[in-house]
């Protein structure tokens, strides 16, 4: 399997199905740092008995926000009582880039 790096990249995975077919997943990612956008194109190929049976392409754009940007977005869109915790644990503050940020808010 090829792994993507901090600037995008490619990966290739294979899934063997119970019916004897194989599905290949090939993804290619590119990052637009200025617009905070990661675009991934995924190509799915289904193979059976050495023949290509089906192909499908999926375009997956992903925009990301910084912590403070997301809180500002929530406020600007009518949310209040915004709280933030880490790793799905109430009252645990994030202390590392590896922590999962969890937002809670009430729509006013």
PDB file of N, CA and C in Angstrom:
ATOM      1  N   UNK A   1       0.835  -1.172   0.000  1.00  0.00           N
ATOM      2  CA  UNK A   1       0.000   0.000   0.000  1.00  0.00           C
ATOM      3  C   UNK A   1       0.885   1.242   0.000  1.00  0.00           C
ATOM      4  N   UNK A   2       0.553   2.195  -0.828  1.00  0.00           N
ATOM      5  CA  UNK A   2       1.231   3.481  -0.853  1.00  0.00           C
ATOM      6  C   UNK A   2       0.527   4.416   0.108  1.00  0.00           C
ATOM      7  N   UNK A   3       1.256   5.207   0.855  1.00  0.00           N
ATOM      8  CA  UNK A   3       0.652   6.144   1.791  1.00  0.00           C
ATOM      9  C   UNK A   3       0.801   7.562   1.299  1.00  0.00           C
ATOM     10  N   UNK A   4      -0.191   8.407   1.641  1.00  0.00           N
ATOM     11  CA  UNK A   4      -0.094   9.812   1.268  1.00  0.00           C
ATOM     12  C   UNK A   4       0.780  10.536   2.276  1.00  0.00           C
ATOM     13  N   UNK A   5       1.385  11.627   1.848  1.00  0.00           N
ATOM     14  CA  UNK A   5       2.222  12.411   2.736  1.00  0.00           C
ATOM     15  C   UNK A   5       1.507  13.709   3.082  1.00  0.00           C
ATOM     16  N   UNK A   6       2.190  14.640   3.706  1.00  0.00           N
ATOM     17  CA  UNK A   6       1.579  15.889   4.160  1.00  0.00           C
ATOM     18  C   UNK A   6       1.119  16.768   3.007  1.00  0.00           C
ATOM     19  N   UNK A   7       1.506  16.458   1.799  1.00  0.00           N
ATOM     20  CA  UNK A   7       1.147  17.273   0.650  1.00  0.00           C
ATOM     21  C   UNK A   7       0.193  16.549  -0.290  1.00  0.00           C
ATOM     22  N   UNK A   8      -0.458  15.538   0.195  1.00  0.00           N
ATOM     23  CA  UNK A   8      -1.313  14.726  -0.657  1.00  0.00           C
ATOM     24  C   UNK A   8      -0.579  13.457  -1.012  1.00  0.00           C
ATOM     25  N   UNK A   9      -1.076  12.726  -1.974  1.00  0.00           N
ATOM     26  CA  UNK A   9      -0.391  11.511  -2.380  1.00  0.00           C
ATOM     27  C   UNK A   9      -1.361  10.476  -2.888  1.00  0.00           C
ATOM     28  N   UNK A  10      -0.913   9.217  -2.883  1.00  0.00           N
ATOM     29  CA  UNK A  10      -1.719   8.124  -3.397  1.00  0.00           C
ATOM     30  C   UNK A  10      -1.716   6.962  -2.425  1.00  0.00           C
ATOM     31  N   UNK A  11      -2.784   6.179  -2.476  1.00  0.00           N
ATOM     32  CA  UNK A  11      -2.806   4.917  -1.737  1.00  0.00           C
ATOM     33  C   UNK A  11      -3.514   3.886  -2.597  1.00  0.00           C
ATOM     34  N   UNK A  12      -3.203   2.644  -2.370  1.00  0.00           N
ATOM     35  CA  UNK A  12      -3.795   1.539  -3.119  1.00  0.00           C
ATOM     36  C   UNK A  12      -4.119   0.433  -2.117  1.00  0.00           C
ATOM     37  N   UNK A  13      -5.373  -0.031  -2.159  1.00  0.00           N
ATOM     38  CA  UNK A  13      -5.802  -1.101  -1.262  1.00  0.00           C
ATOM     39  C   UNK A  13      -6.553  -2.148  -2.063  1.00  0.00           C
ATOM     40  N   UNK A  14      -6.571  -3.359  -1.526  1.00  0.00           N
ATOM     41  CA  UNK A  14      -7.258  -4.467  -2.185  1.00  0.00           C
ATOM     42  C   UNK A  14      -8.150  -5.160  -1.174  1.00  0.00           C
ATOM     43  N   UNK A  15      -9.371  -5.505  -1.596  1.00  0.00           N
ATOM     44  CA  UNK A  15     -10.310  -6.231  -0.753  1.00  0.00           C
ATOM     45  C   UNK A  15     -10.759  -7.473  -1.510  1.00  0.00           C
ATOM     46  N   UNK A  16     -10.523  -8.631  -0.922  1.00  0.00           N
ATOM     47  CA  UNK A  16     -10.970  -9.889  -1.519  1.00  0.00           C
ATOM     48  C   UNK A  16     -12.364 -10.200  -0.989  1.00  0.00           C
ATOM     49  N   UNK A  17     -13.326 -10.400  -1.891  1.00  0.00           N
ATOM     50  CA  UNK A  17     -14.727 -10.609  -1.545  1.00  0.00           C
ATOM     51  C   UNK A  17     -15.063 -12.100  -1.468  1.00  0.00           C
ATOM     52  N   UNK A  18     -16.083 -12.451  -0.674  1.00  0.00           N
ATOM     53  CA  UNK A  18     -16.473 -13.862  -0.536  1.00  0.00           C
ATOM     54  C   UNK A  18     -16.887 -14.521  -1.845  1.00  0.00           C
ATOM     55  N   UNK A  19     -17.363 -13.725  -2.819  1.00  0.00           N
ATOM     56  CA  UNK A  19     -17.797 -14.311  -4.097  1.00  0.00           C
ATOM     57  C   UNK A  19     -16.644 -14.567  -5.059  1.00  0.00           C
ATOM     58  N   UNK A  20     -15.419 -14.351  -4.606  1.00  0.00           N
ATOM     59  CA  UNK A  20     -14.247 -14.589  -5.447  1.00  0.00           C
ATOM     60  C   UNK A  20     -13.792 -13.372  -6.227  1.00  0.00           C
ATOM     61  N   UNK A  21     -14.530 -12.289  -6.148  1.00  0.00           N
ATOM     62  CA  UNK A  21     -14.116 -11.063  -6.833  1.00  0.00           C
ATOM     63  C   UNK A  21     -13.152 -10.279  -5.945  1.00  0.00           C
ATOM     64  N   UNK A  22     -12.501  -9.322  -6.552  1.00  0.00           N
ATOM     65  CA  UNK A  22     -11.556  -8.451  -5.850  1.00  0.00           C
ATOM     66  C   UNK A  22     -11.921  -7.011  -6.163  1.00  0.00           C
ATOM     67  N   UNK A  23     -11.891  -6.169  -5.138  1.00  0.00           N
ATOM     68  CA  UNK A  23     -12.125  -4.746  -5.331  1.00  0.00           C
ATOM     69  C   UNK A  23     -10.826  -4.007  -5.024  1.00  0.00           C
ATOM     70  N   UNK A  24     -10.384  -3.211  -5.983  1.00  0.00           N
ATOM     71  CA  UNK A  24      -9.202  -2.378  -5.805  1.00  0.00           C
ATOM     72  C   UNK A  24      -9.651  -0.943  -5.552  1.00  0.00           C
ATOM     73  N   UNK A  25      -9.076  -0.317  -4.526  1.00  0.00           N
ATOM     74  CA  UNK A  25      -9.348   1.076  -4.197  1.00  0.00           C
ATOM     75  C   UNK A  25      -8.067   1.853  -4.440  1.00  0.00           C
ATOM     76  N   UNK A  26      -8.121   2.821  -5.315  1.00  0.00           N
ATOM     77  CA  UNK A  26      -6.964   3.676  -5.555  1.00  0.00           C
ATOM     78  C   UNK A  26      -7.403   5.103  -5.286  1.00  0.00           C
ATOM     79  N   UNK A  27      -6.718   5.770  -4.362  1.00  0.00           N
ATOM     80  CA  UNK A  27      -7.081   7.157  -4.061  1.00  0.00           C
ATOM     81  C   UNK A  27      -5.890   8.063  -4.322  1.00  0.00           C
ATOM     82  N   UNK A  28      -6.209   9.239  -4.817  1.00  0.00           N
ATOM     83  CA  UNK A  28      -5.217  10.274  -5.073  1.00  0.00           C
ATOM     84  C   UNK A  28      -5.700  11.543  -4.401  1.00  0.00           C
ATOM     85  N   UNK A  29      -4.855  12.118  -3.558  1.00  0.00           N
ATOM     86  CA  UNK A  29      -5.232  13.319  -2.809  1.00  0.00           C
ATOM     87  C   UNK A  29      -4.342  14.482  -3.186  1.00  0.00           C
ATOM     88  N   UNK A  30      -4.951  15.664  -3.143  1.00  0.00           N
ATOM     89  CA  UNK A  30      -4.173  16.889  -3.304  1.00  0.00           C
ATOM     90  C   UNK A  30      -4.668  17.892  -2.269  1.00  0.00           C
ATOM     91  N   UNK A  31      -3.768  18.715  -1.769  1.00  0.00           N
ATOM     92  CA  UNK A  31      -4.094  19.669  -0.719  1.00  0.00           C
ATOM     93  C   UNK A  31      -3.911  21.086  -1.227  1.00  0.00           C
ATOM     94  N   UNK A  32      -4.944  21.895  -1.039  1.00  0.00           N
ATOM     95  CA  UNK A  32      -4.904  23.327  -1.320  1.00  0.00           C
ATOM     96  C   UNK A  32      -4.840  24.022   0.031  1.00  0.00           C
ATOM     97  N   UNK A  33      -3.633  24.353   0.477  1.00  0.00           N
ATOM     98  CA  UNK A  33      -3.430  24.922   1.813  1.00  0.00           C
ATOM     99  C   UNK A  33      -4.108  26.277   1.962  1.00  0.00           C
ATOM    100  N   UNK A  34      -4.081  27.098   0.926  1.00  0.00           N
ATOM    101  CA  UNK A  34      -4.653  28.436   1.003  1.00  0.00           C
ATOM    102  C   UNK A  34      -6.160  28.396   1.245  1.00  0.00           C
ATOM    103  N   UNK A  35      -6.858  27.491   0.573  1.00  0.00           N
ATOM    104  CA  UNK A  35      -8.313  27.384   0.706  1.00  0.00           C
ATOM    105  C   UNK A  35      -8.748  26.306   1.696  1.00  0.00           C
ATOM    106  N   UNK A  36      -7.779  25.709   2.400  1.00  0.00           N
ATOM    107  CA  UNK A  36      -8.045  24.679   3.401  1.00  0.00           C
ATOM    108  C   UNK A  36      -8.940  23.583   2.816  1.00  0.00           C
ATOM    109  N   UNK A  37      -8.481  23.004   1.729  1.00  0.00           N
ATOM    110  CA  UNK A  37      -9.256  22.001   1.010  1.00  0.00           C
ATOM    111  C   UNK A  37      -8.371  20.812   0.638  1.00  0.00           C
ATOM    112  N   UNK A  38      -8.809  19.629   1.025  1.00  0.00           N
ATOM    113  CA  UNK A  38      -8.159  18.390   0.627  1.00  0.00           C
ATOM    114  C   UNK A  38      -9.117  17.685  -0.318  1.00  0.00           C
ATOM    115  N   UNK A  39      -8.709  17.479  -1.550  1.00  0.00           N
ATOM    116  CA  UNK A  39      -9.548  16.812  -2.539  1.00  0.00           C
ATOM    117  C   UNK A  39      -8.979  15.420  -2.806  1.00  0.00           C
ATOM    118  N   UNK A  40      -9.840  14.427  -2.643  1.00  0.00           N
ATOM    119  CA  UNK A  40      -9.444  13.042  -2.894  1.00  0.00           C
ATOM    120  C   UNK A  40     -10.331  12.466  -3.986  1.00  0.00           C
ATOM    121  N   UNK A  41      -9.716  11.842  -4.967  1.00  0.00           N
ATOM    122  CA  UNK A  41     -10.443  11.120  -6.004  1.00  0.00           C
ATOM    123  C   UNK A  41     -10.180   9.639  -5.758  1.00  0.00           C
ATOM    124  N   UNK A  42     -11.270   8.879  -5.606  1.00  0.00           N
ATOM    125  CA  UNK A  42     -11.149   7.447  -5.346  1.00  0.00           C
ATOM    126  C   UNK A  42     -11.670   6.680  -6.556  1.00  0.00           C
ATOM    127  N   UNK A  43     -10.864   5.750  -7.018  1.00  0.00           N
ATOM    128  CA  UNK A  43     -11.254   4.882  -8.142  1.00  0.00           C
ATOM    129  C   UNK A  43     -11.457   3.476  -7.583  1.00  0.00           C
ATOM    130  N   UNK A  44     -12.648   2.955  -7.811  1.00  0.00           N
ATOM    131  CA  UNK A  44     -12.981   1.600  -7.398  1.00  0.00           C
ATOM    132  C   UNK A  44     -13.011   0.722  -8.649  1.00  0.00           C
ATOM    133  N   UNK A  45     -12.342  -0.410  -8.585  1.00  0.00           N
ATOM    134  CA  UNK A  45     -12.376  -1.378  -9.683  1.00  0.00           C
ATOM    135  C   UNK A  45     -12.779  -2.732  -9.115  1.00  0.00           C
ATOM    136  N   UNK A  46     -13.753  -3.366  -9.745  1.00  0.00           N
ATOM    137  CA  UNK A  46     -14.146  -4.717  -9.345  1.00  0.00           C
ATOM    138  C   UNK A  46     -13.651  -5.687 -10.398  1.00  0.00           C
ATOM    139  N   UNK A  47     -12.885  -6.687  -9.952  1.00  0.00           N
ATOM    140  CA  UNK A  47     -12.313  -7.698 -10.837  1.00  0.00           C
ATOM    141  C   UNK A  47     -12.869  -9.068 -10.459  1.00  0.00           C
ATOM    142  N   UNK A  48     -13.175  -9.861 -11.480  1.00  0.00           N
ATOM    143  CA  UNK A  48     -13.619 -11.235 -11.250  1.00  0.00           C
ATOM    144  C   UNK A  48     -13.071 -12.096 -12.374  1.00  0.00           C
ATOM    145  N   UNK A  49     -12.458 -13.202 -12.001  1.00  0.00           N
ATOM    146  CA  UNK A  49     -11.875 -14.142 -12.962  1.00  0.00           C
ATOM    147  C   UNK A  49     -10.902 -13.435 -13.907  1.00  0.00           C
ATOM    148  N   UNK A  50     -10.129 -12.491 -13.376  1.00  0.00           N
ATOM    149  CA  UNK A  50      -9.122 -11.789 -14.166  1.00  0.00           C
ATOM    150  C   UNK A  50      -9.658 -10.735 -15.104  1.00  0.00           C
ATOM    151  N   UNK A  51     -10.962 -10.432 -15.010  1.00  0.00           N
ATOM    152  CA  UNK A  51     -11.573  -9.428 -15.895  1.00  0.00           C
ATOM    153  C   UNK A  51     -12.144  -8.277 -15.081  1.00  0.00           C
ATOM    154  N   UNK A  52     -12.002  -7.079 -15.622  1.00  0.00           N
ATOM    155  CA  UNK A  52     -12.571  -5.890 -15.000  1.00  0.00           C
ATOM    156  C   UNK A  52     -14.084  -5.912 -15.197  1.00  0.00           C
ATOM    157  N   UNK A  53     -14.841  -5.920 -14.101  1.00  0.00           N
ATOM    158  CA  UNK A  53     -16.296  -6.026 -14.154  1.00  0.00           C
ATOM    159  C   UNK A  53     -16.957  -4.648 -14.058  1.00  0.00           C
ATOM    160  N   UNK A  54     -16.425  -3.774 -13.199  1.00  0.00           N
ATOM    161  CA  UNK A  54     -17.037  -2.454 -13.002  1.00  0.00           C
ATOM    162  C   UNK A  54     -15.988  -1.471 -12.495  1.00  0.00           C
ATOM    163  N   UNK A  55     -16.215  -0.200 -12.805  1.00  0.00           N
ATOM    164  CA  UNK A  55     -15.350   0.881 -12.349  1.00  0.00           C
ATOM    165  C   UNK A  55     -16.229   2.035 -11.875  1.00  0.00           C
ATOM    166  N   UNK A  56     -15.804   2.671 -10.796  1.00  0.00           N
ATOM    167  CA  UNK A  56     -16.543   3.824 -10.285  1.00  0.00           C
ATOM    168  C   UNK A  56     -15.540   4.846  -9.764  1.00  0.00           C
ATOM    169  N   UNK A  57     -15.828   6.120 -10.013  1.00  0.00           N
ATOM    170  CA  UNK A  57     -14.993   7.212  -9.507  1.00  0.00           C
ATOM    171  C   UNK A  57     -15.789   8.006  -8.490  1.00  0.00           C
ATOM    172  N   UNK A  58     -15.118   8.428  -7.421  1.00  0.00           N
ATOM    173  CA  UNK A  58     -15.748   9.252  -6.399  1.00  0.00           C
ATOM    174  C   UNK A  58     -14.853  10.450  -6.123  1.00  0.00           C
ATOM    175  N   UNK A  59     -15.432  11.646  -6.174  1.00  0.00           N
ATOM    176  CA  UNK A  59     -14.712  12.871  -5.853  1.00  0.00           C
ATOM    177  C   UNK A  59     -15.103  13.267  -4.433  1.00  0.00           C
ATOM    178  N   UNK A  60     -14.127  13.420  -3.551  1.00  0.00           N
ATOM    179  CA  UNK A  60     -14.397  13.688  -2.146  1.00  0.00           C
ATOM    180  C   UNK A  60     -13.651  14.948  -1.698  1.00  0.00           C
ATOM    181  N   UNK A  61     -14.307  16.124  -1.775  1.00  0.00           N
ATOM    182  CA  UNK A  61     -13.671  17.343  -1.278  1.00  0.00           C
ATOM    183  C   UNK A  61     -13.874  17.458   0.240  1.00  0.00           C
ATOM    184  N   UNK A  62     -12.844  17.849   0.957  1.00  0.00           N
ATOM    185  CA  UNK A  62     -12.919  17.992   2.411  1.00  0.00           C
ATOM    186  C   UNK A  62     -12.326  19.336   2.807  1.00  0.00           C
ATOM    187  N   UNK A  63     -13.171  20.210   3.352  1.00  0.00           N
ATOM    188  CA  UNK A  63     -12.709  21.495   3.879  1.00  0.00           C
ATOM    189  C   UNK A  63     -12.410  21.311   5.361  1.00  0.00           C
ATOM    190  N   UNK A  64     -11.398  21.978   5.863  1.00  0.00           N
ATOM    191  CA  UNK A  64     -11.105  21.876   7.286  1.00  0.00           C
ATOM    192  C   UNK A  64     -11.068  23.258   7.918  1.00  0.00           C
ATOM    193  N   UNK A  65     -11.351  23.276   9.215  1.00  0.00           N
ATOM    194  CA  UNK A  65     -11.365  24.494  10.009  1.00  0.00           C
ATOM    195  C   UNK A  65     -10.383  24.333  11.154  1.00  0.00           C
ATOM    196  N   UNK A  66      -9.789  25.441  11.586  1.00  0.00           N
ATOM    197  CA  UNK A  66      -9.052  25.454  12.838  1.00  0.00           C
ATOM    198  C   UNK A  66     -10.054  25.489  13.979  1.00  0.00           C
ATOM    199  N   UNK A  67      -9.599  25.192  15.175  1.00  0.00           N
ATOM    200  CA  UNK A  67     -10.482  25.175  16.348  1.00  0.00           C
ATOM    201  C   UNK A  67     -11.229  26.490  16.516  1.00  0.00           C
ATOM    202  N   UNK A  68     -10.496  27.605  16.527  1.00  0.00           N
ATOM    203  CA  UNK A  68     -11.119  28.908  16.742  1.00  0.00           C
ATOM    204  C   UNK A  68     -12.014  29.307  15.572  1.00  0.00           C
ATOM    205  N   UNK A  69     -11.630  28.943  14.369  1.00  0.00           N
ATOM    206  CA  UNK A  69     -12.474  29.210  13.197  1.00  0.00           C
ATOM    207  C   UNK A  69     -13.824  28.501  13.323  1.00  0.00           C
ATOM    208  N   UNK A  70     -13.790  27.270  13.794  1.00  0.00           N
ATOM    209  CA  UNK A  70     -15.024  26.502  13.900  1.00  0.00           C
ATOM    210  C   UNK A  70     -15.936  27.074  14.980  1.00  0.00           C
ATOM    211  N   UNK A  71     -15.354  27.482  16.107  1.00  0.00           N
ATOM    212  CA  UNK A  71     -16.148  28.122  17.167  1.00  0.00           C
ATOM    213  C   UNK A  71     -16.776  29.407  16.635  1.00  0.00           C
ATOM    214  N   UNK A  72     -16.024  30.202  15.894  1.00  0.00           N
ATOM    215  CA  UNK A  72     -16.549  31.436  15.312  1.00  0.00           C
ATOM    216  C   UNK A  72     -17.687  31.105  14.329  1.00  0.00           C
ATOM    217  N   UNK A  73     -17.516  30.076  13.521  1.00  0.00           N
ATOM    218  CA  UNK A  73     -18.543  29.659  12.576  1.00  0.00           C
ATOM    219  C   UNK A  73     -19.824  29.281  13.315  1.00  0.00           C
ATOM    220  N   UNK A  74     -19.705  28.529  14.401  1.00  0.00           N
ATOM    221  CA  UNK A  74     -20.883  28.143  15.181  1.00  0.00           C
ATOM    222  C   UNK A  74     -21.600  29.382  15.722  1.00  0.00           C
ATOM    223  N   UNK A  75     -20.835  30.311  16.305  1.00  0.00           N
ATOM    224  CA  UNK A  75     -21.438  31.542  16.849  1.00  0.00           C
ATOM    225  C   UNK A  75     -22.155  32.339  15.763  1.00  0.00           C
ATOM    226  N   UNK A  76     -21.491  32.492  14.617  1.00  0.00           N
ATOM    227  CA  UNK A  76     -22.067  33.277  13.523  1.00  0.00           C
ATOM    228  C   UNK A  76     -23.315  32.635  12.923  1.00  0.00           C
ATOM    229  N   UNK A  77     -23.513  31.354  13.187  1.00  0.00           N
ATOM    230  CA  UNK A  77     -24.671  30.659  12.647  1.00  0.00           C
ATOM    231  C   UNK A  77     -25.704  30.313  13.717  1.00  0.00           C
ATOM    232  N   UNK A  78     -25.682  31.080  14.809  1.00  0.00           N
ATOM    233  CA  UNK A  78     -26.746  31.004  15.792  1.00  0.00           C
ATOM    234  C   UNK A  78     -26.589  30.007  16.917  1.00  0.00           C
ATOM    235  N   UNK A  79     -25.412  29.443  17.091  1.00  0.00           N
ATOM    236  CA  UNK A  79     -25.220  28.506  18.192  1.00  0.00           C
ATOM    237  C   UNK A  79     -24.720  29.243  19.428  1.00  0.00           C
ATOM    238  N   UNK A  80     -25.077  28.706  20.603  1.00  0.00           N
ATOM    239  CA  UNK A  80     -24.613  29.278  21.868  1.00  0.00           C
ATOM    240  C   UNK A  80     -24.194  28.132  22.786  1.00  0.00           C
ATOM    241  N   UNK A  81     -23.743  28.476  23.973  1.00  0.00           N
ATOM    242  CA  UNK A  81     -23.292  27.473  24.944  1.00  0.00           C
ATOM    243  C   UNK A  81     -22.315  26.483  24.307  1.00  0.00           C
ATOM    244  N   UNK A  82     -21.337  27.009  23.592  1.00  0.00           N
ATOM    245  CA  UNK A  82     -20.355  26.180  22.884  1.00  0.00           C
ATOM    246  C   UNK A  82     -19.304  25.697  23.871  1.00  0.00           C
ATOM    247  N   UNK A  83     -19.115  24.397  23.918  1.00  0.00           N
ATOM    248  CA  UNK A  83     -18.072  23.821  24.765  1.00  0.00           C
ATOM    249  C   UNK A  83     -17.186  22.928  23.904  1.00  0.00           C
ATOM    250  N   UNK A  84     -15.985  22.717  24.392  1.00  0.00           N
ATOM    251  CA  UNK A  84     -14.998  21.916  23.675  1.00  0.00           C
ATOM    252  C   UNK A  84     -14.339  20.973  24.658  1.00  0.00           C
ATOM    253  N   UNK A  85     -14.251  19.719  24.288  1.00  0.00           N
ATOM    254  CA  UNK A  85     -13.520  18.752  25.100  1.00  0.00           C
ATOM    255  C   UNK A  85     -12.614  17.932  24.181  1.00  0.00           C
ATOM    256  N   UNK A  86     -11.814  17.108  24.784  1.00  0.00           N
ATOM    257  CA  UNK A  86     -10.891  16.274  24.022  1.00  0.00           C
ATOM    258  C   UNK A  86     -11.245  14.807  24.180  1.00  0.00           C
ATOM    259  N   UNK A  87     -11.098  14.075  23.107  1.00  0.00           N
ATOM    260  CA  UNK A  87     -11.206  12.617  23.113  1.00  0.00           C
ATOM    261  C   UNK A  87     -12.516  12.098  23.702  1.00  0.00           C
ATOM    262  N   UNK A  88     -13.597  12.812  23.436  1.00  0.00           N
ATOM    263  CA  UNK A  88     -14.943  12.410  23.856  1.00  0.00           C
ATOM    264  C   UNK A  88     -15.099  12.349  25.372  1.00  0.00           C
ATOM    265  N   UNK A  89     -14.248  13.058  26.108  1.00  0.00           N
ATOM    266  CA  UNK A  89     -14.324  13.078  27.572  1.00  0.00           C
ATOM    267  C   UNK A  89     -14.642  14.489  28.037  1.00  0.00           C
ATOM    268  N   UNK A  90     -15.835  14.661  28.627  1.00  0.00           N
ATOM    269  CA  UNK A  90     -16.213  15.975  29.140  1.00  0.00           C
ATOM    270  C   UNK A  90     -15.149  16.490  30.098  1.00  0.00           C
ATOM    271  N   UNK A  91     -14.885  17.759  30.032  1.00  0.00           N
ATOM    272  CA  UNK A  91     -13.952  18.472  30.912  1.00  0.00           C
ATOM    273  C   UNK A  91     -12.482  18.109  30.688  1.00  0.00           C
ATOM    274  N   UNK A  92     -12.184  17.324  29.667  1.00  0.00           N
ATOM    275  CA  UNK A  92     -10.797  17.049  29.320  1.00  0.00           C
ATOM    276  C   UNK A  92     -10.385  18.027  28.229  1.00  0.00           C
ATOM    277  N   UNK A  93      -9.339  18.792  28.470  1.00  0.00           N
ATOM    278  CA  UNK A  93      -8.862  19.781  27.515  1.00  0.00           C
ATOM    279  C   UNK A  93      -7.858  19.153  26.550  1.00  0.00           C
ATOM    280  N   UNK A  94      -7.909  19.584  25.307  1.00  0.00           N
ATOM    281  CA  UNK A  94      -6.946  19.102  24.316  1.00  0.00           C
ATOM    282  C   UNK A  94      -5.548  19.571  24.691  1.00  0.00           C
ATOM    283  N   UNK A  95      -4.589  18.677  24.573  1.00  0.00           N
ATOM    284  CA  UNK A  95      -3.208  19.027  24.913  1.00  0.00           C
ATOM    285  C   UNK A  95      -2.218  18.594  23.845  1.00  0.00           C
ATOM    286  N   UNK A  96      -2.731  17.975  22.761  1.00  0.00           N
ATOM    287  CA  UNK A  96      -1.859  17.464  21.716  1.00  0.00           C
ATOM    288  C   UNK A  96      -2.594  17.533  20.376  1.00  0.00           C
ATOM    289  N   UNK A  97      -1.834  17.634  19.304  1.00  0.00           N
ATOM    290  CA  UNK A  97      -2.445  17.617  17.975  1.00  0.00           C
ATOM    291  C   UNK A  97      -3.107  16.266  17.702  1.00  0.00           C
ATOM    292  N   UNK A  98      -2.769  15.255  18.478  1.00  0.00           N
ATOM    293  CA  UNK A  98      -3.346  13.929  18.278  1.00  0.00           C
ATOM    294  C   UNK A  98      -4.707  13.774  18.951  1.00  0.00           C
ATOM    295  N   UNK A  99      -5.083  14.731  19.803  1.00  0.00           N
ATOM    296  CA  UNK A  99      -6.384  14.662  20.468  1.00  0.00           C
ATOM    297  C   UNK A  99      -7.510  14.881  19.474  1.00  0.00           C
ATOM    298  N   UNK A 100      -8.626  14.236  19.711  1.00  0.00           N
ATOM    299  CA  UNK A 100      -9.832  14.461  18.927  1.00  0.00           C
ATOM    300  C   UNK A 100     -10.621  15.584  19.588  1.00  0.00           C
ATOM    301  N   UNK A 101     -10.899  16.650  18.836  1.00  0.00           N
ATOM    302  CA  UNK A 101     -11.655  17.766  19.381  1.00  0.00           C
ATOM    303  C   UNK A 101     -13.142  17.471  19.250  1.00  0.00           C
ATOM    304  N   UNK A 102     -13.878  17.664  20.327  1.00  0.00           N
ATOM    305  CA  UNK A 102     -15.317  17.402  20.354  1.00  0.00           C
ATOM    306  C   UNK A 102     -16.031  18.692  20.735  1.00  0.00           C
ATOM    307  N   UNK A 103     -16.903  19.149  19.849  1.00  0.00           N
ATOM    308  CA  UNK A 103     -17.646  20.383  20.066  1.00  0.00           C
ATOM    309  C   UNK A 103     -19.074  20.051  20.467  1.00  0.00           C
ATOM    310  N   UNK A 104     -19.605  20.852  21.370  1.00  0.00           N
ATOM    311  CA  UNK A 104     -21.005  20.746  21.756  1.00  0.00           C
ATOM    312  C   UNK A 104     -21.572  22.147  21.727  1.00  0.00           C
ATOM    313  N   UNK A 105     -22.781  22.302  21.169  1.00  0.00           N
ATOM    314  CA  UNK A 105     -23.383  23.623  21.073  1.00  0.00           C
ATOM    315  C   UNK A 105     -24.899  23.487  20.999  1.00  0.00           C
ATOM    316  N   UNK A 106     -25.584  24.569  21.368  1.00  0.00           N
ATOM    317  CA  UNK A 106     -27.041  24.602  21.351  1.00  0.00           C
ATOM    318  C   UNK A 106     -27.463  25.645  20.327  1.00  0.00           C
ATOM    319  N   UNK A 107     -28.395  25.265  19.446  1.00  0.00           N
ATOM    320  CA  UNK A 107     -28.899  26.210  18.456  1.00  0.00           C
ATOM    321  C   UNK A 107     -29.876  27.151  19.147  1.00  0.00           C
ATOM    322  N   UNK A 108     -29.566  28.440  19.068  1.00  0.00           N
ATOM    323  CA  UNK A 108     -30.388  29.452  19.768  1.00  0.00           C
ATOM    324  C   UNK A 108     -31.736  29.615  19.110  1.00  0.00           C
TER     325      UNK A 108
END
